[in-house]
Amino acid sequence: MNNEHFLLIGTLLLTSGIILIIAGISFSLRNHRKYSTWESTSGTVTNVITHSISSSDFHYYPIIEFKTKDGKTIIFESDLGFYPAKHKQGQQVSILYDKVAPDNAVLNLKSAKWAAPFTIGAFGVLAVVIGGIILSIT
């Protein structure tokens, strides 16, 4: 590889990294705005089911029941699966739900709200650092 290839790779990494950092920040701000208007309550794990990720890999997903402030009973399956199982039937869990559409509910876990934006931003920082190093040595 010649210097032009390294220059191109460094520029692409730097540009991609900046885009990923902006996307991570944007995703984080969107999540903050979204969840700050949602209602917090507790629910009960009524069941735990498994979904196959592949033929030999599966995760455990809790089915959660809760009551809204106006007394409506909602049952939902968490879109977060765990391996090994993190929840047991009868366990109390913290949840967030949309006041306007209470069927739209999630486990109230920091990882559920912030893992994706953090990961996107971290990859962006890594790409910027690697791209910067490549550009500084070419």
C-alpha atoms as a PDB file:
ATOM      1  CA  MET A   1       0.000   0.000   0.000  1.00  0.00           C
ATOM      2  CA  ASN A   2       1.206   3.466  -0.790  1.00  0.00           C
ATOM      3  CA  ASN A   3       0.607   6.739   1.048  1.00  0.00           C
ATOM      4  CA  GLU A   4      -2.495   7.521  -1.004  1.00  0.00           C
ATOM      5  CA  HIS A   5      -4.181   4.330   0.251  1.00  0.00           C
ATOM      6  CA  PHE A   6      -3.325   5.154   3.869  1.00  0.00           C
ATOM      7  CA  LEU A   7      -4.543   8.715   3.361  1.00  0.00           C
ATOM      8  CA  LEU A   8      -7.835   7.414   1.964  1.00  0.00           C
ATOM      9  CA  ILE A   9      -8.271   4.851   4.770  1.00  0.00           C
ATOM     10  CA  GLY A  10      -7.427   7.422   7.449  1.00  0.00           C
ATOM     11  CA  THR A  11      -9.844   9.956   5.971  1.00  0.00           C
ATOM     12  CA  LEU A  12     -12.630   7.387   5.692  1.00  0.00           C
ATOM     13  CA  LEU A  13     -12.103   6.233   9.284  1.00  0.00           C
ATOM     14  CA  LEU A  14     -12.005   9.783  10.584  1.00  0.00           C
ATOM     15  CA  THR A  15     -15.141  10.774   8.663  1.00  0.00           C
ATOM     16  CA  SER A  16     -17.001   7.592   9.624  1.00  0.00           C
ATOM     17  CA  GLY A  17     -15.981   8.050  13.247  1.00  0.00           C
ATOM     18  CA  ILE A  18     -17.316  11.595  13.355  1.00  0.00           C
ATOM     19  CA  ILE A  19     -20.593  10.429  11.815  1.00  0.00           C
ATOM     20  CA  LEU A  20     -20.870   7.600  14.376  1.00  0.00           C
ATOM     21  CA  ILE A  21     -20.163   9.965  17.276  1.00  0.00           C
ATOM     22  CA  ILE A  22     -22.860  12.351  16.038  1.00  0.00           C
ATOM     23  CA  ALA A  23     -25.269   9.423  15.567  1.00  0.00           C
ATOM     24  CA  GLY A  24     -24.532   8.142  19.092  1.00  0.00           C
ATOM     25  CA  ILE A  25     -25.141  11.573  20.609  1.00  0.00           C
ATOM     26  CA  SER A  26     -28.310  12.023  18.551  1.00  0.00           C
ATOM     27  CA  PHE A  27     -29.593   8.572  19.549  1.00  0.00           C
ATOM     28  CA  SER A  28     -28.800   9.337  23.188  1.00  0.00           C
ATOM     29  CA  LEU A  29     -30.655  12.663  23.117  1.00  0.00           C
ATOM     30  CA  ARG A  30     -33.624  11.051  21.386  1.00  0.00           C
ATOM     31  CA  ASN A  31     -33.783   8.308  24.033  1.00  0.00           C
ATOM     32  CA  HIS A  32     -33.542  10.883  26.820  1.00  0.00           C
ATOM     33  CA  ARG A  33     -36.397  12.944  25.373  1.00  0.00           C
ATOM     34  CA  LYS A  34     -38.495   9.841  24.753  1.00  0.00           C
ATOM     35  CA  TYR A  35     -38.082   8.192  28.139  1.00  0.00           C
ATOM     36  CA  SER A  36     -38.290  11.417  30.158  1.00  0.00           C
ATOM     37  CA  THR A  37     -41.993  11.678  29.266  1.00  0.00           C
ATOM     38  CA  TRP A  38     -42.766   8.037  30.064  1.00  0.00           C
ATOM     39  CA  GLU A  39     -44.280   6.816  33.322  1.00  0.00           C
ATOM     40  CA  SER A  40     -42.241   4.683  35.709  1.00  0.00           C
ATOM     41  CA  THR A  41     -43.885   1.836  37.623  1.00  0.00           C
ATOM     42  CA  SER A  42     -43.248  -1.709  38.742  1.00  0.00           C
ATOM     43  CA  GLY A  43     -44.484  -4.865  37.118  1.00  0.00           C
ATOM     44  CA  THR A  44     -44.462  -8.569  37.813  1.00  0.00           C
ATOM     45  CA  VAL A  45     -42.751 -11.179  35.669  1.00  0.00           C
ATOM     46  CA  THR A  46     -45.561 -13.615  34.842  1.00  0.00           C
ATOM     47  CA  ASN A  47     -43.539 -15.926  32.618  1.00  0.00           C
ATOM     48  CA  VAL A  48     -40.134 -16.285  30.996  1.00  0.00           C
ATOM     49  CA  ILE A  49     -39.958 -17.601  27.442  1.00  0.00           C
ATOM     50  CA  THR A  50     -37.063 -18.469  25.159  1.00  0.00           C
ATOM     51  CA  HIS A  51     -36.372 -17.363  21.617  1.00  0.00           C
ATOM     52  CA  SER A  52     -33.728 -18.989  19.454  1.00  0.00           C
ATOM     53  CA  ILE A  53     -31.053 -16.688  18.165  1.00  0.00           C
ATOM     54  CA  SER A  54     -29.556 -19.585  16.205  1.00  0.00           C
ATOM     55  CA  SER A  55     -29.883 -23.367  16.296  1.00  0.00           C
ATOM     56  CA  SER A  56     -27.690 -23.575  19.394  1.00  0.00           C
ATOM     57  CA  ASP A  57     -28.142 -20.127  20.966  1.00  0.00           C
ATOM     58  CA  PHE A  58     -31.204 -18.787  22.750  1.00  0.00           C
ATOM     59  CA  HIS A  59     -32.164 -16.031  25.178  1.00  0.00           C
ATOM     60  CA  TYR A  60     -34.742 -15.709  27.948  1.00  0.00           C
ATOM     61  CA  TYR A  61     -37.384 -12.984  27.594  1.00  0.00           C
ATOM     62  CA  PRO A  62     -39.600 -11.967  30.521  1.00  0.00           C
ATOM     63  CA  ILE A  63     -43.347 -11.507  30.086  1.00  0.00           C
ATOM     64  CA  ILE A  64     -44.349  -8.639  32.367  1.00  0.00           C
ATOM     65  CA  GLU A  65     -47.709  -7.514  33.710  1.00  0.00           C
ATOM     66  CA  PHE A  66     -48.305  -4.063  35.181  1.00  0.00           C
ATOM     67  CA  LYS A  67     -51.083  -1.599  35.886  1.00  0.00           C
ATOM     68  CA  THR A  68     -51.130   1.898  34.456  1.00  0.00           C
ATOM     69  CA  LYS A  69     -51.956   4.904  36.634  1.00  0.00           C
ATOM     70  CA  ASP A  70     -55.576   4.674  35.492  1.00  0.00           C
ATOM     71  CA  GLY A  71     -55.771   0.970  36.487  1.00  0.00           C
ATOM     72  CA  LYS A  72     -55.531  -0.648  33.050  1.00  0.00           C
ATOM     73  CA  THR A  73     -53.680  -3.991  33.095  1.00  0.00           C
ATOM     74  CA  ILE A  74     -50.981  -4.360  30.447  1.00  0.00           C
ATOM     75  CA  ILE A  75     -49.015  -7.499  29.597  1.00  0.00           C
ATOM     76  CA  PHE A  76     -45.970  -7.258  27.359  1.00  0.00           C
ATOM     77  CA  GLU A  77     -42.945  -9.262  26.336  1.00  0.00           C
ATOM     78  CA  SER A  78     -39.651  -7.492  26.878  1.00  0.00           C
ATOM     79  CA  ASP A  79     -37.632  -6.983  23.723  1.00  0.00           C
ATOM     80  CA  LEU A  80     -34.531  -7.562  25.853  1.00  0.00           C
ATOM     81  CA  GLY A  81     -33.479 -11.164  26.132  1.00  0.00           C
ATOM     82  CA  PHE A  82     -30.871 -12.445  28.536  1.00  0.00           C
ATOM     83  CA  TYR A  83     -28.566 -15.418  28.757  1.00  0.00           C
ATOM     84  CA  PRO A  84     -28.429 -16.762  31.332  1.00  0.00           C
ATOM     85  CA  ALA A  85     -31.953 -15.925  32.459  1.00  0.00           C
ATOM     86  CA  LYS A  86     -32.022 -12.739  34.533  1.00  0.00           C
ATOM     87  CA  HIS A  87     -35.666 -12.817  35.617  1.00  0.00           C
ATOM     88  CA  LYS A  88     -37.845 -15.334  37.426  1.00  0.00           C
ATOM     89  CA  GLN A  89     -41.596 -15.761  37.486  1.00  0.00           C
ATOM     90  CA  GLY A  90     -43.107 -13.606  40.257  1.00  0.00           C
ATOM     91  CA  GLN A  91     -40.151 -11.197  40.334  1.00  0.00           C
ATOM     92  CA  GLN A  92     -40.913  -7.469  40.617  1.00  0.00           C
ATOM     93  CA  VAL A  93     -39.217  -5.329  37.955  1.00  0.00           C
ATOM     94  CA  SER A  94     -39.056  -1.632  37.201  1.00  0.00           C
ATOM     95  CA  ILE A  95     -40.545  -0.595  33.868  1.00  0.00           C
ATOM     96  CA  LEU A  96     -41.233   2.508  31.819  1.00  0.00           C
ATOM     97  CA  TYR A  97     -44.324   2.897  29.682  1.00  0.00           C
ATOM     98  CA  ASP A  98     -45.626   5.474  27.270  1.00  0.00           C
ATOM     99  CA  LYS A  99     -48.543   7.323  28.907  1.00  0.00           C
ATOM    100  CA  VAL A 100     -50.208   7.782  25.515  1.00  0.00           C
ATOM    101  CA  ALA A 101     -49.695   4.174  24.354  1.00  0.00           C
ATOM    102  CA  PRO A 102     -49.153   2.038  27.484  1.00  0.00           C
ATOM    103  CA  ASP A 103     -48.625  -1.123  25.413  1.00  0.00           C
ATOM    104  CA  ASN A 104     -45.324   0.488  24.496  1.00  0.00           C
ATOM    105  CA  ALA A 105     -43.298  -0.495  27.573  1.00  0.00           C
ATOM    106  CA  VAL A 106     -39.694  -1.427  28.336  1.00  0.00           C
ATOM    107  CA  LEU A 107     -37.692  -2.715  31.260  1.00  0.00           C
ATOM    108  CA  ASN A 108     -36.291   0.277  33.120  1.00  0.00           C
ATOM    109  CA  LEU A 109     -32.638  -0.691  32.800  1.00  0.00           C
ATOM    110  CA  LYS A 110     -29.790   1.684  32.010  1.00  0.00           C
ATOM    111  CA  SER A 111     -28.401  -0.883  29.600  1.00  0.00           C
ATOM    112  CA  ALA A 112     -31.704  -0.998  27.730  1.00  0.00           C
ATOM    113  CA  LYS A 113     -31.732   2.751  27.234  1.00  0.00           C
ATOM    114  CA  TRP A 114     -28.058   3.580  26.793  1.00  0.00           C
ATOM    115  CA  ALA A 115     -26.195   0.509  25.448  1.00  0.00           C
ATOM    116  CA  ALA A 116     -26.869   1.215  21.763  1.00  0.00           C
ATOM    117  CA  PRO A 117     -26.009   4.956  21.808  1.00  0.00           C
ATOM    118  CA  PHE A 118     -22.883   4.268  23.882  1.00  0.00           C
ATOM    119  CA  THR A 119     -21.736   1.468  21.576  1.00  0.00           C
ATOM    120  CA  ILE A 120     -22.267   3.579  18.452  1.00  0.00           C
ATOM    121  CA  GLY A 121     -20.381   6.490  20.027  1.00  0.00           C
ATOM    122  CA  ALA A 122     -17.555   4.230  21.259  1.00  0.00           C
ATOM    123  CA  PHE A 123     -17.037   2.804  17.766  1.00  0.00           C
ATOM    124  CA  GLY A 124     -17.005   6.375  16.490  1.00  0.00           C
ATOM    125  CA  VAL A 125     -14.300   7.401  18.959  1.00  0.00           C
ATOM    126  CA  LEU A 126     -12.267   4.315  18.060  1.00  0.00           C
ATOM    127  CA  ALA A 127     -12.557   5.087  14.330  1.00  0.00           C
ATOM    128  CA  VAL A 128     -11.536   8.719  14.903  1.00  0.00           C
ATOM    129  CA  VAL A 129      -8.500   7.680  16.945  1.00  0.00           C
ATOM    130  CA  ILE A 130      -7.356   5.054  14.411  1.00  0.00           C
ATOM    131  CA  GLY A 131      -8.052   7.394  11.488  1.00  0.00           C
ATOM    132  CA  GLY A 132      -6.171  10.203  13.240  1.00  0.00           C
ATOM    133  CA  ILE A 133      -3.176   7.954  13.900  1.00  0.00           C
ATOM    134  CA  ILE A 134      -3.111   6.784  10.273  1.00  0.00           C
ATOM    135  CA  LEU A 135      -3.350  10.369   9.014  1.00  0.00           C
ATOM    136  CA  SER A 136      -0.652  11.589  11.394  1.00  0.00           C
ATOM    137  CA  ILE A 137       1.892   9.001  10.207  1.00  0.00           C
ATOM    138  CA  THR A 138       1.249   9.390   6.466  1.00  0.00           C
END
